[in-house]
Amino acid sequence: FDNRDGSSTNTLEPNPRSDDSNGQSLDVRVQYLWYPS
């Protein structure tokens, strides 16, 4: 999760900005192992 607020304002044109991001991931692996000796 990430949230950022900022601006690049100047005297002629205000330019506030807000960025939000989030991510989720799931990885699963199953392995059959064989020991010969």
PDB file of all heavy atoms in Angstrom:
ATOM      1  N   PHE A   1       0.860  -1.176   0.000  1.00  0.00           N
ATOM      2  CA  PHE A   1       0.000   0.000   0.000  1.00  0.00           C
ATOM      3  C   PHE A   1       0.900   1.232   0.000  1.00  0.00           C
ATOM      4  O   PHE A   1       1.904   1.282   0.697  1.00  0.00           O
ATOM      5  CB  PHE A   1      -0.910   0.031   1.237  1.00  0.00           C
ATOM      6  CG  PHE A   1      -1.807  -1.172   1.361  1.00  0.00           C
ATOM      7  CD1 PHE A   1      -1.414  -2.279   2.096  1.00  0.00           C
ATOM      8  CD2 PHE A   1      -3.037  -1.207   0.720  1.00  0.00           C
ATOM      9  CE1 PHE A   1      -2.223  -3.385   2.215  1.00  0.00           C
ATOM     10  CE2 PHE A   1      -3.850  -2.318   0.821  1.00  0.00           C
ATOM     11  CZ  PHE A   1      -3.450  -3.408   1.571  1.00  0.00           C
ATOM     12  N   ASP A   2       0.495   2.236  -0.778  1.00  0.00           N
ATOM     13  CA  ASP A   2       1.292   3.449  -0.866  1.00  0.00           C
ATOM     14  C   ASP A   2       0.367   4.625  -1.141  1.00  0.00           C
ATOM     15  O   ASP A   2      -0.522   4.544  -1.995  1.00  0.00           O
ATOM     16  CB  ASP A   2       2.338   3.330  -1.973  1.00  0.00           C
ATOM     17  CG  ASP A   2       3.316   4.496  -1.972  1.00  0.00           C
ATOM     18  OD1 ASP A   2       3.457   5.149  -0.925  1.00  0.00           O
ATOM     19  OD2 ASP A   2       3.922   4.755  -3.025  1.00  0.00           O
ATOM     20  N   ASN A   3       0.569   5.694  -0.401  1.00  0.00           N
ATOM     21  CA  ASN A   3      -0.214   6.918  -0.592  1.00  0.00           C
ATOM     22  C   ASN A   3       0.737   8.103  -0.566  1.00  0.00           C
ATOM     23  O   ASN A   3       1.529   8.256   0.367  1.00  0.00           O
ATOM     24  CB  ASN A   3      -1.271   7.059   0.510  1.00  0.00           C
ATOM     25  CG  ASN A   3      -2.047   8.373   0.368  1.00  0.00           C
ATOM     26  OD1 ASN A   3      -1.684   9.370   0.958  1.00  0.00           O
ATOM     27  ND2 ASN A   3      -3.108   8.345  -0.422  1.00  0.00           N
ATOM     28  N   ARG A   4       0.647   8.927  -1.596  1.00  0.00           N
ATOM     29  CA  ARG A   4       1.519  10.098  -1.684  1.00  0.00           C
ATOM     30  C   ARG A   4       0.690  11.320  -2.054  1.00  0.00           C
ATOM     31  O   ARG A   4      -0.125  11.284  -2.983  1.00  0.00           O
ATOM     32  CB  ARG A   4       2.619   9.886  -2.728  1.00  0.00           C
ATOM     33  CG  ARG A   4       3.550   8.724  -2.421  1.00  0.00           C
ATOM     34  CD  ARG A   4       4.626   8.583  -3.484  1.00  0.00           C
ATOM     35  NE  ARG A   4       5.477   7.420  -3.245  1.00  0.00           N
ATOM     36  CZ  ARG A   4       6.494   7.067  -4.031  1.00  0.00           C
ATOM     37  NH1 ARG A   4       6.784   7.797  -5.102  1.00  0.00           N
ATOM     38  NH2 ARG A   4       7.218   5.996  -3.745  1.00  0.00           N
ATOM     39  N   ASP A   5       0.907  12.406  -1.324  1.00  0.00           N
ATOM     40  CA  ASP A   5       0.275  13.691  -1.614  1.00  0.00           C
ATOM     41  C   ASP A   5       1.371  14.700  -1.896  1.00  0.00           C
ATOM     42  O   ASP A   5       2.379  14.763  -1.187  1.00  0.00           O
ATOM     43  CB  ASP A   5      -0.576  14.168  -0.425  1.00  0.00           C
ATOM     44  CG  ASP A   5      -1.739  13.227  -0.154  1.00  0.00           C
ATOM     45  OD1 ASP A   5      -2.393  12.822  -1.119  1.00  0.00           O
ATOM     46  OD2 ASP A   5      -1.972  12.900   1.029  1.00  0.00           O
ATOM     47  N   GLY A   6       1.155  15.496  -2.917  1.00  0.00           N
ATOM     48  CA  GLY A   6       2.146  16.506  -3.265  1.00  0.00           C
ATOM     49  C   GLY A   6       1.536  17.559  -4.162  1.00  0.00           C
ATOM     50  O   GLY A   6       0.330  17.562  -4.452  1.00  0.00           O
ATOM     51  N   SER A   7       2.356  18.449  -4.605  1.00  0.00           N
ATOM     52  CA  SER A   7       1.872  19.513  -5.501  1.00  0.00           C
ATOM     53  C   SER A   7       3.054  20.118  -6.227  1.00  0.00           C
ATOM     54  O   SER A   7       4.192  20.043  -5.782  1.00  0.00           O
ATOM     55  CB  SER A   7       1.131  20.594  -4.716  1.00  0.00           C
ATOM     56  OG  SER A   7       2.001  21.229  -3.803  1.00  0.00           O
ATOM     57  N   SER A   8       2.763  20.693  -7.370  1.00  0.00           N
ATOM     58  CA  SER A   8       3.754  21.463  -8.114  1.00  0.00           C
ATOM     59  C   SER A   8       3.140  22.842  -8.368  1.00  0.00           C
ATOM     60  O   SER A   8       2.967  23.271  -9.498  1.00  0.00           O
ATOM     61  CB  SER A   8       4.119  20.763  -9.419  1.00  0.00           C
ATOM     62  OG  SER A   8       2.958  20.523 -10.188  1.00  0.00           O
ATOM     63  N   THR A   9       2.725  23.503  -7.292  1.00  0.00           N
ATOM     64  CA  THR A   9       2.000  24.766  -7.407  1.00  0.00           C
ATOM     65  C   THR A   9       2.934  25.893  -7.824  1.00  0.00           C
ATOM     66  O   THR A   9       4.133  25.879  -7.575  1.00  0.00           O
ATOM     67  CB  THR A   9       1.356  25.132  -6.072  1.00  0.00           C
ATOM     68  OG1 THR A   9       2.379  25.228  -5.090  1.00  0.00           O
ATOM     69  CG2 THR A   9       0.358  24.064  -5.635  1.00  0.00           C
ATOM     70  N   ASN A  10       2.354  26.859  -8.485  1.00  0.00           N
ATOM     71  CA  ASN A  10       3.039  28.123  -8.764  1.00  0.00           C
ATOM     72  C   ASN A  10       2.027  29.251  -8.578  1.00  0.00           C
ATOM     73  O   ASN A  10       0.863  29.013  -8.270  1.00  0.00           O
ATOM     74  CB  ASN A  10       3.662  28.133 -10.175  1.00  0.00           C
ATOM     75  CG  ASN A  10       2.631  27.833 -11.265  1.00  0.00           C
ATOM     76  OD1 ASN A  10       1.590  28.483 -11.331  1.00  0.00           O
ATOM     77  ND2 ASN A  10       2.941  26.847 -12.105  1.00  0.00           N
ATOM     78  N   THR A  11       2.443  30.471  -8.768  1.00  0.00           N
ATOM     79  CA  THR A  11       1.568  31.614  -8.498  1.00  0.00           C
ATOM     80  C   THR A  11       0.433  31.736  -9.494  1.00  0.00           C
ATOM     81  O   THR A  11      -0.563  32.404  -9.226  1.00  0.00           O
ATOM     82  CB  THR A  11       2.393  32.906  -8.500  1.00  0.00           C
ATOM     83  OG1 THR A  11       3.058  33.028  -9.772  1.00  0.00           O
ATOM     84  CG2 THR A  11       3.429  32.883  -7.376  1.00  0.00           C
ATOM     85  N   LEU A  12       0.543  31.089 -10.657  1.00  0.00           N
ATOM     86  CA  LEU A  12      -0.477  31.228 -11.687  1.00  0.00           C
ATOM     87  C   LEU A  12      -1.436  30.042 -11.729  1.00  0.00           C
ATOM     88  O   LEU A  12      -2.616  30.200 -12.011  1.00  0.00           O
ATOM     89  CB  LEU A  12       0.192  31.396 -13.066  1.00  0.00           C
ATOM     90  CG  LEU A  12       1.090  32.629 -13.231  1.00  0.00           C
ATOM     91  CD1 LEU A  12       1.718  32.625 -14.621  1.00  0.00           C
ATOM     92  CD2 LEU A  12       0.286  33.910 -13.002  1.00  0.00           C
ATOM     93  N   GLU A  13      -0.949  28.854 -11.462  1.00  0.00           N
ATOM     94  CA  GLU A  13      -1.780  27.651 -11.638  1.00  0.00           C
ATOM     95  C   GLU A  13      -1.492  26.626 -10.552  1.00  0.00           C
ATOM     96  O   GLU A  13      -0.485  25.925 -10.608  1.00  0.00           O
ATOM     97  CB  GLU A  13      -1.519  27.039 -13.013  1.00  0.00           C
ATOM     98  CG  GLU A  13      -2.412  25.843 -13.322  1.00  0.00           C
ATOM     99  CD  GLU A  13      -2.180  25.309 -14.713  1.00  0.00           C
ATOM    100  OE1 GLU A  13      -1.494  25.978 -15.507  1.00  0.00           O
ATOM    101  OE2 GLU A  13      -2.682  24.220 -15.015  1.00  0.00           O
ATOM    102  N   PRO A  14      -2.364  26.504  -9.556  1.00  0.00           N
ATOM    103  CA  PRO A  14      -2.156  25.479  -8.539  1.00  0.00           C
ATOM    104  C   PRO A  14      -2.319  24.085  -9.142  1.00  0.00           C
ATOM    105  O   PRO A  14      -3.130  23.877 -10.034  1.00  0.00           O
ATOM    106  CB  PRO A  14      -3.248  25.778  -7.508  1.00  0.00           C
ATOM    107  CG  PRO A  14      -4.310  26.470  -8.282  1.00  0.00           C
ATOM    108  CD  PRO A  14      -3.601  27.259  -9.347  1.00  0.00           C
ATOM    109  N   ASN A  15      -1.510  23.126  -8.661  1.00  0.00           N
ATOM    110  CA  ASN A  15      -1.529  21.791  -9.255  1.00  0.00           C
ATOM    111  C   ASN A  15      -1.318  20.727  -8.176  1.00  0.00           C
ATOM    112  O   ASN A  15      -0.333  20.006  -8.193  1.00  0.00           O
ATOM    113  CB  ASN A  15      -0.428  21.695 -10.318  1.00  0.00           C
ATOM    114  CG  ASN A  15      -0.522  20.406 -11.124  1.00  0.00           C
ATOM    115  OD1 ASN A  15      -1.545  19.745 -11.132  1.00  0.00           O
ATOM    116  ND2 ASN A  15       0.570  20.066 -11.771  1.00  0.00           N
ATOM    117  N   PRO A  16      -2.266  20.627  -7.228  1.00  0.00           N
ATOM    118  CA  PRO A  16      -2.120  19.581  -6.211  1.00  0.00           C
ATOM    119  C   PRO A  16      -2.291  18.196  -6.827  1.00  0.00           C
ATOM    120  O   PRO A  16      -2.995  18.022  -7.815  1.00  0.00           O
ATOM    121  CB  PRO A  16      -3.234  19.895  -5.213  1.00  0.00           C
ATOM    122  CG  PRO A  16      -4.249  20.623  -6.011  1.00  0.00           C
ATOM    123  CD  PRO A  16      -3.484  21.414  -7.039  1.00  0.00           C
ATOM    124  N   ARG A  17      -1.646  17.185  -6.200  1.00  0.00           N
ATOM    125  CA  ARG A  17      -1.678  15.835  -6.759  1.00  0.00           C
ATOM    126  C   ARG A  17      -1.684  14.812  -5.634  1.00  0.00           C
ATOM    127  O   ARG A  17      -1.055  15.014  -4.597  1.00  0.00           O
ATOM    128  CB  ARG A  17      -0.453  15.602  -7.656  1.00  0.00           C
ATOM    129  CG  ARG A  17      -0.349  14.205  -8.223  1.00  0.00           C
ATOM    130  CD  ARG A  17       0.724  14.116  -9.261  1.00  0.00           C
ATOM    131  NE  ARG A  17       0.843  12.768  -9.793  1.00  0.00           N
ATOM    132  CZ  ARG A  17       1.484  12.477 -10.923  1.00  0.00           C
ATOM    133  NH1 ARG A  17       2.036  13.437 -11.622  1.00  0.00           N
ATOM    134  NH2 ARG A  17       1.562  11.238 -11.335  1.00  0.00           N
ATOM    135  N   SER A  18      -2.400  13.704  -5.861  1.00  0.00           N
ATOM    136  CA  SER A  18      -2.459  12.624  -4.888  1.00  0.00           C
ATOM    137  C   SER A  18      -2.349  11.299  -5.629  1.00  0.00           C
ATOM    138  O   SER A  18      -3.033  11.080  -6.635  1.00  0.00           O
ATOM    139  CB  SER A  18      -3.771  12.687  -4.098  1.00  0.00           C
ATOM    140  OG  SER A  18      -3.895  11.576  -3.242  1.00  0.00           O
ATOM    141  N   ASP A  19      -1.464  10.419  -5.146  1.00  0.00           N
ATOM    142  CA  ASP A  19      -1.259   9.108  -5.757  1.00  0.00           C
ATOM    143  C   ASP A  19      -1.557   8.025  -4.724  1.00  0.00           C
ATOM    144  O   ASP A  19      -1.080   8.093  -3.591  1.00  0.00           O
ATOM    145  CB  ASP A  19       0.180   8.945  -6.250  1.00  0.00           C
ATOM    146  CG  ASP A  19       0.557   9.983  -7.303  1.00  0.00           C
ATOM    147  OD1 ASP A  19      -0.365  10.603  -7.862  1.00  0.00           O
ATOM    148  OD2 ASP A  19       1.764  10.161  -7.539  1.00  0.00           O
ATOM    149  N   ASP A  20      -2.328   7.029  -5.120  1.00  0.00           N
ATOM    150  CA  ASP A  20      -2.619   5.877  -4.267  1.00  0.00           C
ATOM    151  C   ASP A  20      -2.341   4.613  -5.061  1.00  0.00           C
ATOM    152  O   ASP A  20      -2.701   4.517  -6.239  1.00  0.00           O
ATOM    153  CB  ASP A  20      -4.080   5.867  -3.806  1.00  0.00           C
ATOM    154  CG  ASP A  20      -4.391   7.012  -2.853  1.00  0.00           C
ATOM    155  OD1 ASP A  20      -3.873   6.986  -1.737  1.00  0.00           O
ATOM    156  OD2 ASP A  20      -5.140   7.927  -3.250  1.00  0.00           O
ATOM    157  N   SER A  21      -1.743   3.635  -4.410  1.00  0.00           N
ATOM    158  CA  SER A  21      -1.490   2.356  -5.083  1.00  0.00           C
ATOM    159  C   SER A  21      -1.560   1.233  -4.059  1.00  0.00           C
ATOM    160  O   SER A  21      -1.236   1.411  -2.887  1.00  0.00           O
ATOM    161  CB  SER A  21      -0.121   2.357  -5.764  1.00  0.00           C
ATOM    162  OG  SER A  21       0.918   2.477  -4.820  1.00  0.00           O
ATOM    163  N   ASN A  22      -2.014   0.076  -4.522  1.00  0.00           N
ATOM    164  CA  ASN A  22      -2.033  -1.111  -3.678  1.00  0.00           C
ATOM    165  C   ASN A  22      -1.888  -2.346  -4.561  1.00  0.00           C
ATOM    166  O   ASN A  22      -2.226  -2.321  -5.754  1.00  0.00           O
ATOM    167  CB  ASN A  22      -3.312  -1.188  -2.842  1.00  0.00           C
ATOM    168  CG  ASN A  22      -4.554  -1.322  -3.705  1.00  0.00           C
ATOM    169  OD1 ASN A  22      -4.892  -2.419  -4.159  1.00  0.00           O
ATOM    170  ND2 ASN A  22      -5.249  -0.204  -3.950  1.00  0.00           N
ATOM    171  N   GLY A  23      -1.370  -3.393  -3.990  1.00  0.00           N
ATOM    172  CA  GLY A  23      -1.167  -4.626  -4.748  1.00  0.00           C
ATOM    173  C   GLY A  23      -1.200  -5.838  -3.846  1.00  0.00           C
ATOM    174  O   GLY A  23      -0.862  -5.762  -2.661  1.00  0.00           O
ATOM    175  N   GLN A  24      -1.635  -6.960  -4.400  1.00  0.00           N
ATOM    176  CA  GLN A  24      -1.676  -8.224  -3.675  1.00  0.00           C
ATOM    177  C   GLN A  24      -1.207  -9.334  -4.620  1.00  0.00           C
ATOM    178  O   GLN A  24      -1.499  -9.297  -5.822  1.00  0.00           O
ATOM    179  CB  GLN A  24      -3.083  -8.563  -3.173  1.00  0.00           C
ATOM    180  CG  GLN A  24      -3.774  -7.456  -2.368  1.00  0.00           C
ATOM    181  CD  GLN A  24      -4.463  -6.433  -3.240  1.00  0.00           C
ATOM    182  OE1 GLN A  24      -5.042  -6.782  -4.263  1.00  0.00           O
ATOM    183  NE2 GLN A  24      -4.414  -5.174  -2.836  1.00  0.00           N
ATOM    184  N   SER A  25      -0.504 -10.283  -4.076  1.00  0.00           N
ATOM    185  CA  SER A  25      -0.052 -11.406  -4.890  1.00  0.00           C
ATOM    186  C   SER A  25       0.026 -12.664  -4.040  1.00  0.00           C
ATOM    187  O   SER A  25       0.301 -12.602  -2.839  1.00  0.00           O
ATOM    188  CB  SER A  25       1.310 -11.119  -5.521  1.00  0.00           C
ATOM    189  OG  SER A  25       2.313 -11.030  -4.528  1.00  0.00           O
ATOM    190  N   LEU A  26      -0.220 -13.793  -4.685  1.00  0.00           N
ATOM    191  CA  LEU A  26      -0.163 -15.097  -4.034  1.00  0.00           C
ATOM    192  C   LEU A  26       0.481 -16.087  -4.989  1.00  0.00           C
ATOM    193  O   LEU A  26       0.070 -16.194  -6.155  1.00  0.00           O
ATOM    194  CB  LEU A  26      -1.562 -15.585  -3.642  1.00  0.00           C
ATOM    195  CG  LEU A  26      -1.666 -17.028  -3.126  1.00  0.00           C
ATOM    196  CD1 LEU A  26      -0.928 -17.166  -1.796  1.00  0.00           C
ATOM    197  CD2 LEU A  26      -3.130 -17.439  -2.974  1.00  0.00           C
ATOM    198  N   ASP A  27       1.497 -16.784  -4.514  1.00  0.00           N
ATOM    199  CA  ASP A  27       2.171 -17.815  -5.304  1.00  0.00           C
ATOM    200  C   ASP A  27       2.225 -19.099  -4.493  1.00  0.00           C
ATOM    201  O   ASP A  27       2.606 -19.077  -3.313  1.00  0.00           O
ATOM    202  CB  ASP A  27       3.592 -17.385  -5.672  1.00  0.00           C
ATOM    203  CG  ASP A  27       3.599 -16.201  -6.619  1.00  0.00           C
ATOM    204  OD1 ASP A  27       3.216 -16.374  -7.777  1.00  0.00           O
ATOM    205  OD2 ASP A  27       3.993 -15.105  -6.182  1.00  0.00           O
ATOM    206  N   VAL A  28       1.874 -20.204  -5.128  1.00  0.00           N
ATOM    207  CA  VAL A  28       1.888 -21.506  -4.472  1.00  0.00           C
ATOM    208  C   VAL A  28       2.545 -22.510  -5.407  1.00  0.00           C
ATOM    209  O   VAL A  28       2.215 -22.558  -6.603  1.00  0.00           O
ATOM    210  CB  VAL A  28       0.463 -21.983  -4.111  1.00  0.00           C
ATOM    211  CG1 VAL A  28       0.511 -23.361  -3.452  1.00  0.00           C
ATOM    212  CG2 VAL A  28      -0.229 -20.981  -3.197  1.00  0.00           C
ATOM    213  N   ARG A  29       3.464 -23.284  -4.874  1.00  0.00           N
ATOM    214  CA  ARG A  29       4.066 -24.366  -5.664  1.00  0.00           C
ATOM    215  C   ARG A  29       4.209 -25.607  -4.793  1.00  0.00           C
ATOM    216  O   ARG A  29       4.583 -25.523  -3.622  1.00  0.00           O
ATOM    217  CB  ARG A  29       5.399 -23.949  -6.273  1.00  0.00           C
ATOM    218  CG  ARG A  29       6.478 -23.564  -5.305  1.00  0.00           C
ATOM    219  CD  ARG A  29       7.736 -23.135  -6.066  1.00  0.00           C
ATOM    220  NE  ARG A  29       7.511 -21.950  -6.862  1.00  0.00           N
ATOM    221  CZ  ARG A  29       8.280 -21.571  -7.885  1.00  0.00           C
ATOM    222  NH1 ARG A  29       9.333 -22.291  -8.226  1.00  0.00           N
ATOM    223  NH2 ARG A  29       8.013 -20.470  -8.557  1.00  0.00           N
ATOM    224  N   VAL A  30       3.864 -26.738  -5.381  1.00  0.00           N
ATOM    225  CA  VAL A  30       3.939 -28.028  -4.701  1.00  0.00           C
ATOM    226  C   VAL A  30       4.874 -28.926  -5.506  1.00  0.00           C
ATOM    227  O   VAL A  30       4.773 -28.994  -6.744  1.00  0.00           O
ATOM    228  CB  VAL A  30       2.550 -28.680  -4.569  1.00  0.00           C
ATOM    229  CG1 VAL A  30       2.663 -30.036  -3.865  1.00  0.00           C
ATOM    230  CG2 VAL A  30       1.597 -27.770  -3.809  1.00  0.00           C
ATOM    231  N   GLN A  31       5.793 -29.612  -4.811  1.00  0.00           N
ATOM    232  CA  GLN A  31       6.757 -30.476  -5.494  1.00  0.00           C
ATOM    233  C   GLN A  31       6.849 -31.833  -4.807  1.00  0.00           C
ATOM    234  O   GLN A  31       6.870 -31.912  -3.579  1.00  0.00           O
ATOM    235  CB  GLN A  31       8.142 -29.820  -5.516  1.00  0.00           C
ATOM    236  CG  GLN A  31       8.206 -28.561  -6.373  1.00  0.00           C
ATOM    237  CD  GLN A  31       9.485 -27.797  -6.157  1.00  0.00           C
ATOM    238  OE1 GLN A  31      10.101 -27.883  -5.098  1.00  0.00           O
ATOM    239  NE2 GLN A  31       9.894 -27.036  -7.155  1.00  0.00           N
ATOM    240  N   TYR A  32       6.879 -32.833  -5.626  1.00  0.00           N
ATOM    241  CA  TYR A  32       7.146 -34.197  -5.161  1.00  0.00           C
ATOM    242  C   TYR A  32       8.646 -34.421  -5.251  1.00  0.00           C
ATOM    243  O   TYR A  32       9.244 -34.259  -6.323  1.00  0.00           O
ATOM    244  CB  TYR A  32       6.395 -35.206  -6.025  1.00  0.00           C
ATOM    245  CG  TYR A  32       6.711 -36.658  -5.712  1.00  0.00           C
ATOM    246  CD1 TYR A  32       6.019 -37.342  -4.715  1.00  0.00           C
ATOM    247  CD2 TYR A  32       7.706 -37.329  -6.429  1.00  0.00           C
ATOM    248  CE1 TYR A  32       6.303 -38.660  -4.427  1.00  0.00           C
ATOM    249  CE2 TYR A  32       8.002 -38.651  -6.147  1.00  0.00           C
ATOM    250  CZ  TYR A  32       7.300 -39.309  -5.146  1.00  0.00           C
ATOM    251  OH  TYR A  32       7.596 -40.622  -4.868  1.00  0.00           O
ATOM    252  N   LEU A  33       9.275 -34.760  -4.133  1.00  0.00           N
ATOM    253  CA  LEU A  33      10.717 -34.956  -4.086  1.00  0.00           C
ATOM    254  C   LEU A  33      11.045 -36.435  -3.942  1.00  0.00           C
ATOM    255  O   LEU A  33      10.387 -37.155  -3.178  1.00  0.00           O
ATOM    256  CB  LEU A  33      11.326 -34.185  -2.909  1.00  0.00           C
ATOM    257  CG  LEU A  33      11.093 -32.674  -2.878  1.00  0.00           C
ATOM    258  CD1 LEU A  33      11.765 -32.062  -1.656  1.00  0.00           C
ATOM    259  CD2 LEU A  33      11.589 -32.001  -4.154  1.00  0.00           C
ATOM    260  N   TRP A  34      12.082 -36.855  -4.646  1.00  0.00           N
ATOM    261  CA  TRP A  34      12.521 -38.256  -4.608  1.00  0.00           C
ATOM    262  C   TRP A  34      14.005 -38.312  -4.281  1.00  0.00           C
ATOM    263  O   TRP A  34      14.833 -37.666  -4.942  1.00  0.00           O
ATOM    264  CB  TRP A  34      12.264 -38.937  -5.954  1.00  0.00           C
ATOM    265  CG  TRP A  34      12.778 -40.344  -6.021  1.00  0.00           C
ATOM    266  CD1 TRP A  34      12.490 -41.369  -5.161  1.00  0.00           C
ATOM    267  CD2 TRP A  34      13.674 -40.887  -6.995  1.00  0.00           C
ATOM    268  NE1 TRP A  34      13.143 -42.522  -5.539  1.00  0.00           N
ATOM    269  CE2 TRP A  34      13.879 -42.250  -6.663  1.00  0.00           C
ATOM    270  CE3 TRP A  34      14.314 -40.362  -8.109  1.00  0.00           C
ATOM    271  CZ2 TRP A  34      14.697 -43.079  -7.406  1.00  0.00           C
ATOM    272  CZ3 TRP A  34      15.140 -41.190  -8.857  1.00  0.00           C
ATOM    273  CH2 TRP A  34      15.320 -42.530  -8.515  1.00  0.00           C
ATOM    274  N   TYR A  35      14.342 -39.063  -3.224  1.00  0.00           N
ATOM    275  CA  TYR A  35      15.718 -39.292  -2.797  1.00  0.00           C
ATOM    276  C   TYR A  35      16.102 -40.717  -3.178  1.00  0.00           C
ATOM    277  O   TYR A  35      15.656 -41.669  -2.524  1.00  0.00           O
ATOM    278  CB  TYR A  35      15.849 -39.113  -1.286  1.00  0.00           C
ATOM    279  CG  TYR A  35      15.712 -37.695  -0.790  1.00  0.00           C
ATOM    280  CD1 TYR A  35      14.457 -37.094  -0.702  1.00  0.00           C
ATOM    281  CD2 TYR A  35      16.827 -36.954  -0.396  1.00  0.00           C
ATOM    282  CE1 TYR A  35      14.323 -35.797  -0.242  1.00  0.00           C
ATOM    283  CE2 TYR A  35      16.701 -35.657   0.068  1.00  0.00           C
ATOM    284  CZ  TYR A  35      15.444 -35.088   0.137  1.00  0.00           C
ATOM    285  OH  TYR A  35      15.312 -33.791   0.598  1.00  0.00           O
ATOM    286  N   PRO A  36      16.902 -40.918  -4.208  1.00  0.00           N
ATOM    287  CA  PRO A  36      17.208 -42.288  -4.646  1.00  0.00           C
ATOM    288  C   PRO A  36      18.072 -43.067  -3.658  1.00  0.00           C
ATOM    289  O   PRO A  36      18.021 -44.292  -3.627  1.00  0.00           O
ATOM    290  CB  PRO A  36      17.946 -42.081  -5.979  1.00  0.00           C
ATOM    291  CG  PRO A  36      18.479 -40.693  -5.908  1.00  0.00           C
ATOM    292  CD  PRO A  36      17.502 -39.910  -5.099  1.00  0.00           C
ATOM    293  N   SER A  37      18.889 -42.363  -2.835  1.00  0.00           N
ATOM    294  CA  SER A  37      19.778 -43.068  -1.907  1.00  0.00           C
ATOM    295  C   SER A  37      19.818 -42.318  -0.581  1.00  0.00           C
ATOM    296  O   SER A  37      20.768 -41.573  -0.291  1.00  0.00           O
ATOM    297  CB  SER A  37      21.186 -43.185  -2.506  1.00  0.00           C
ATOM    298  OG  SER A  37      22.036 -43.905  -1.653  1.00  0.00           O
TER     299      SER A  37
END
